[in-house]
C-alpha atoms as a PDB file:
ATOM      1  CA  MET A   1     179.320 306.980  86.628  1.00  0.00           C
ATOM      2  CA  SER A   2     180.508 310.576  86.396  1.00  0.00           C
ATOM      3  CA  GLU A   3     182.536 312.635  88.855  1.00  0.00           C
ATOM      4  CA  SER A   4     179.343 314.387  89.913  1.00  0.00           C
ATOM      5  CA  ASP A   5     178.013 311.049  91.186  1.00  0.00           C
ATOM      6  CA  VAL A   6     180.877 310.715  93.686  1.00  0.00           C
ATOM      7  CA  THR A   7     180.002 311.785  97.216  1.00  0.00           C
ATOM      8  CA  LEU A   8     182.910 313.129  99.259  1.00  0.00           C
ATOM      9  CA  ARG A   9     182.530 313.698 102.992  1.00  0.00           C
ATOM     10  CA  VAL A  10     185.239 315.177 105.168  1.00  0.00           C
ATOM     11  CA  LEU A  11     185.471 314.714 108.939  1.00  0.00           C
ATOM     12  CA  ARG A  12     187.975 316.401 111.190  1.00  0.00           C
ATOM     13  CA  LEU A  13     188.956 314.502 114.322  1.00  0.00           C
ATOM     14  CA  PRO A  14     190.410 316.661 117.110  1.00  0.00           C
ATOM     15  CA  THR A  15     193.746 316.133 118.828  1.00  0.00           C
ATOM     16  CA  GLN A  16     193.665 313.123 121.139  1.00  0.00           C
ATOM     17  CA  GLN A  17     195.546 313.326 124.418  1.00  0.00           C
ATOM     18  CA  SER A  18     197.532 310.361 125.665  1.00  0.00           C
ATOM     19  CA  ASP A  19     195.985 308.145 128.320  1.00  0.00           C
ATOM     20  CA  ASP A  20     198.325 305.438 129.579  1.00  0.00           C
ATOM     21  CA  GLN A  21     195.577 303.607 131.473  1.00  0.00           C
ATOM     22  CA  ALA A  22     193.426 303.363 128.334  1.00  0.00           C
ATOM     23  CA  GLY A  23     196.446 302.598 126.137  1.00  0.00           C
ATOM     24  CA  LYS A  24     195.924 305.752 124.062  1.00  0.00           C
ATOM     25  CA  MET A  25     198.784 307.671 122.489  1.00  0.00           C
ATOM     26  CA  PHE A  26     198.841 311.400 121.781  1.00  0.00           C
ATOM     27  CA  LEU A  27     197.580 311.992 118.235  1.00  0.00           C
ATOM     28  CA  ASP A  28     197.518 315.157 116.198  1.00  0.00           C
ATOM     29  CA  PRO A  29     194.251 316.114 114.467  1.00  0.00           C
ATOM     30  CA  VAL A  30     193.139 313.705 111.731  1.00  0.00           C
ATOM     31  CA  THR A  31     191.280 314.507 108.527  1.00  0.00           C
ATOM     32  CA  VAL A  32     189.014 311.704 107.284  1.00  0.00           C
ATOM     33  CA  PHE A  33     187.890 311.535 103.645  1.00  0.00           C
ATOM     34  CA  LEU A  34     184.993 309.205 102.840  1.00  0.00           C
ATOM     35  CA  GLU A  35     184.354 308.783  99.117  1.00  0.00           C
ATOM     36  CA  ASP A  36     181.256 306.949  97.928  1.00  0.00           C
ATOM     37  CA  PHE A  37     181.658 306.210  94.224  1.00  0.00           C
ATOM     38  CA  GLU A  38     178.368 304.317  94.019  1.00  0.00           C
ATOM     39  CA  PRO A  39     176.508 301.939  96.322  1.00  0.00           C
ATOM     40  CA  GLY A  40     178.916 299.168  97.272  1.00  0.00           C
ATOM     41  CA  ARG A  41     182.115 300.983  96.217  1.00  0.00           C
ATOM     42  CA  GLY A  42     184.044 303.495  98.283  1.00  0.00           C
ATOM     43  CA  GLN A  43     187.393 304.705  99.531  1.00  0.00           C
ATOM     44  CA  LEU A  44     188.600 305.819 102.955  1.00  0.00           C
ATOM     45  CA  THR A  45     191.597 308.128 103.377  1.00  0.00           C
ATOM     46  CA  LEU A  46     193.031 309.225 106.729  1.00  0.00           C
ATOM     47  CA  VAL A  47     195.543 312.069 106.979  1.00  0.00           C
ATOM     48  CA  CYS A  48     197.454 312.857 110.169  1.00  0.00           C
ATOM     49  CA  TRP A  49     200.428 315.225 110.341  1.00  0.00           C
ATOM     50  CA  GLY A  50     201.788 314.522 106.890  1.00  0.00           C
ATOM     51  CA  ARG A  51     201.026 310.783 106.916  1.00  0.00           C
ATOM     52  CA  ALA A  52     198.203 309.307 104.895  1.00  0.00           C
ATOM     53  CA  TRP A  53     196.544 305.899 104.791  1.00  0.00           C
ATOM     54  CA  THR A  54     193.961 304.888 102.212  1.00  0.00           C
ATOM     55  CA  HIS A  55     192.006 301.851 101.083  1.00  0.00           C
ATOM     56  CA  TYR A  56     189.412 301.234  98.368  1.00  0.00           C
ATOM     57  CA  TRP A  57     186.566 298.735  98.755  1.00  0.00           C
ATOM     58  CA  GLY A  58     184.903 297.628  95.531  1.00  0.00           C
ATOM     59  CA  ALA A  59     182.493 295.075  96.983  1.00  0.00           C
ATOM     60  CA  MET A  60     180.772 296.328 100.152  1.00  0.00           C
ATOM     61  CA  GLY A  61     177.311 295.042  99.186  1.00  0.00           C
ATOM     62  CA  THR A  62     174.988 296.301  96.487  1.00  0.00           C
ATOM     63  CA  ARG A  63     173.339 299.027  98.585  1.00  0.00           C
ATOM     64  CA  CYS A  64     175.976 299.721 101.206  1.00  0.00           C
ATOM     65  CA  ARG A  65     177.378 303.204 101.722  1.00  0.00           C
ATOM     66  CA  LEU A  66     180.963 303.558 102.933  1.00  0.00           C
ATOM     67  CA  ARG A  67     179.901 305.100 106.250  1.00  0.00           C
ATOM     68  CA  ASP A  68     177.662 302.136 107.078  1.00  0.00           C
ATOM     69  CA  PHE A  69     180.325 299.657 105.981  1.00  0.00           C
ATOM     70  CA  LEU A  70     182.944 301.311 108.219  1.00  0.00           C
ATOM     71  CA  LEU A  71     180.651 301.241 111.237  1.00  0.00           C
ATOM     72  CA  GLU A  72     179.904 297.541 110.741  1.00  0.00           C
ATOM     73  CA  ALA A  73     183.497 296.435 110.079  1.00  0.00           C
ATOM     74  CA  SER A  74     185.824 295.661 112.972  1.00  0.00           C
ATOM     75  CA  THR A  75     188.468 298.208 113.882  1.00  0.00           C
ATOM     76  CA  CYS A  76     191.180 295.546 113.490  1.00  0.00           C
ATOM     77  CA  TYR A  77     190.010 294.733 109.935  1.00  0.00           C
ATOM     78  CA  LEU A  78     189.981 298.406 108.915  1.00  0.00           C
ATOM     79  CA  ALA A  79     193.402 299.148 110.440  1.00  0.00           C
ATOM     80  CA  GLY A  80     194.825 296.102 108.667  1.00  0.00           C
ATOM     81  CA  LYS A  81     193.464 297.200 105.299  1.00  0.00           C
ATOM     82  CA  LEU A  82     194.866 300.692 105.779  1.00  0.00           C
ATOM     83  CA  MET A  83     198.301 299.257 106.627  1.00  0.00           C
ATOM     84  CA  LEU A  84     198.588 297.083 103.498  1.00  0.00           C
ATOM     85  CA  PRO A  85     200.771 299.460 101.430  1.00  0.00           C
ATOM     86  CA  TYR A  86     203.112 299.941 104.367  1.00  0.00           C
ATOM     87  CA  ASP A  87     203.611 296.358 105.485  1.00  0.00           C
ATOM     88  CA  VAL A  88     206.944 295.901 103.703  1.00  0.00           C
ATOM     89  CA  MET A  89     208.370 299.385 104.307  1.00  0.00           C
ATOM     90  CA  LEU A  90     207.469 299.693 107.969  1.00  0.00           C
ATOM     91  CA  LYS A  91     208.290 296.341 109.535  1.00  0.00           C
ATOM     92  CA  ARG A  92     210.258 298.096 112.284  1.00  0.00           C
ATOM     93  CA  SER A  93     207.413 300.479 113.145  1.00  0.00           C
ATOM     94  CA  GLU A  94     204.480 298.198 112.296  1.00  0.00           C
ATOM     95  CA  SER A  95     203.321 297.780 115.903  1.00  0.00           C
ATOM     96  CA  ARG A  96     203.261 301.533 116.500  1.00  0.00           C
ATOM     97  CA  GLU A  97     201.563 302.149 113.132  1.00  0.00           C
ATOM     98  CA  GLU A  98     198.888 299.600 114.003  1.00  0.00           C
ATOM     99  CA  ARG A  99     198.275 301.290 117.372  1.00  0.00           C
ATOM    100  CA  TRP A 100     197.937 304.698 115.661  1.00  0.00           C
ATOM    101  CA  LEU A 101     195.538 303.391 113.067  1.00  0.00           C
ATOM    102  CA  THR A 102     193.471 301.472 115.601  1.00  0.00           C
ATOM    103  CA  GLN A 103     193.094 304.611 117.720  1.00  0.00           C
ATOM    104  CA  ILE A 104     192.297 306.761 114.658  1.00  0.00           C
ATOM    105  CA  VAL A 105     189.716 304.271 113.338  1.00  0.00           C
ATOM    106  CA  ASP A 106     188.044 304.081 116.767  1.00  0.00           C
ATOM    107  CA  ALA A 107     187.839 307.901 116.903  1.00  0.00           C
ATOM    108  CA  MET A 108     186.455 308.006 113.347  1.00  0.00           C
ATOM    109  CA  LYS A 109     183.758 305.460 114.178  1.00  0.00           C
ATOM    110  CA  THR A 110     182.786 307.438 117.278  1.00  0.00           C
ATOM    111  CA  ALA A 111     182.484 310.614 115.181  1.00  0.00           C
ATOM    112  CA  LEU A 112     180.377 308.817 112.552  1.00  0.00           C
ATOM    113  CA  ARG A 113     178.024 307.488 115.223  1.00  0.00           C
ATOM    114  CA  ARG A 114     177.530 311.003 116.616  1.00  0.00           C
ATOM    115  CA  GLU A 115     176.470 312.487 113.279  1.00  0.00           C
ATOM    116  CA  PRO A 116     172.870 313.644 112.895  1.00  0.00           C
ATOM    117  CA  GLY A 117     170.735 310.824 111.548  1.00  0.00           C
ATOM    118  CA  ALA A 118     173.162 308.098 112.640  1.00  0.00           C
ATOM    119  CA  GLN A 119     171.395 304.755 112.937  1.00  0.00           C
ATOM    120  CA  HIS A 120     174.051 302.959 114.973  1.00  0.00           C
ATOM    121  CA  ASP A 121     174.535 302.884 118.760  1.00  0.00           C
END
C-alpha cells in the first residue's frame, strides 16, 4: 500500500448550541478526519478547539470502509475507543469528556448520513 492509496475525507461539523432538555452541551466547531488505508483498516480523528481524539481500526471487515463502519457502530463504542488514550490522565473530567465525545460522534454520524449517496437511514 502506498500513500496514494490512502483516502482522506474531511468533514466540518458546525457549532452546536446547548439544549438542556436534550442534554446537549455547547460545542465549538469540530473537524472530522476519516482515513481509509485499505478496505477493513481506517482511522478516525476528531479535532475541537485544540483538543484531538483519534483511534485506528485494523479489523473492520475485509470490504468495510471507515464511513460504513462508523455508521454501524454504536455511539457509546466509538466514544469509548476515542477516550482510550485519556482514561488515565482525565479521571476527574472523564464524565464530561464522554459527554462531549458522545455528542460529537452523534453529530458526525448525522453528517455522514446526510452525504450524497448515503445508504443509511
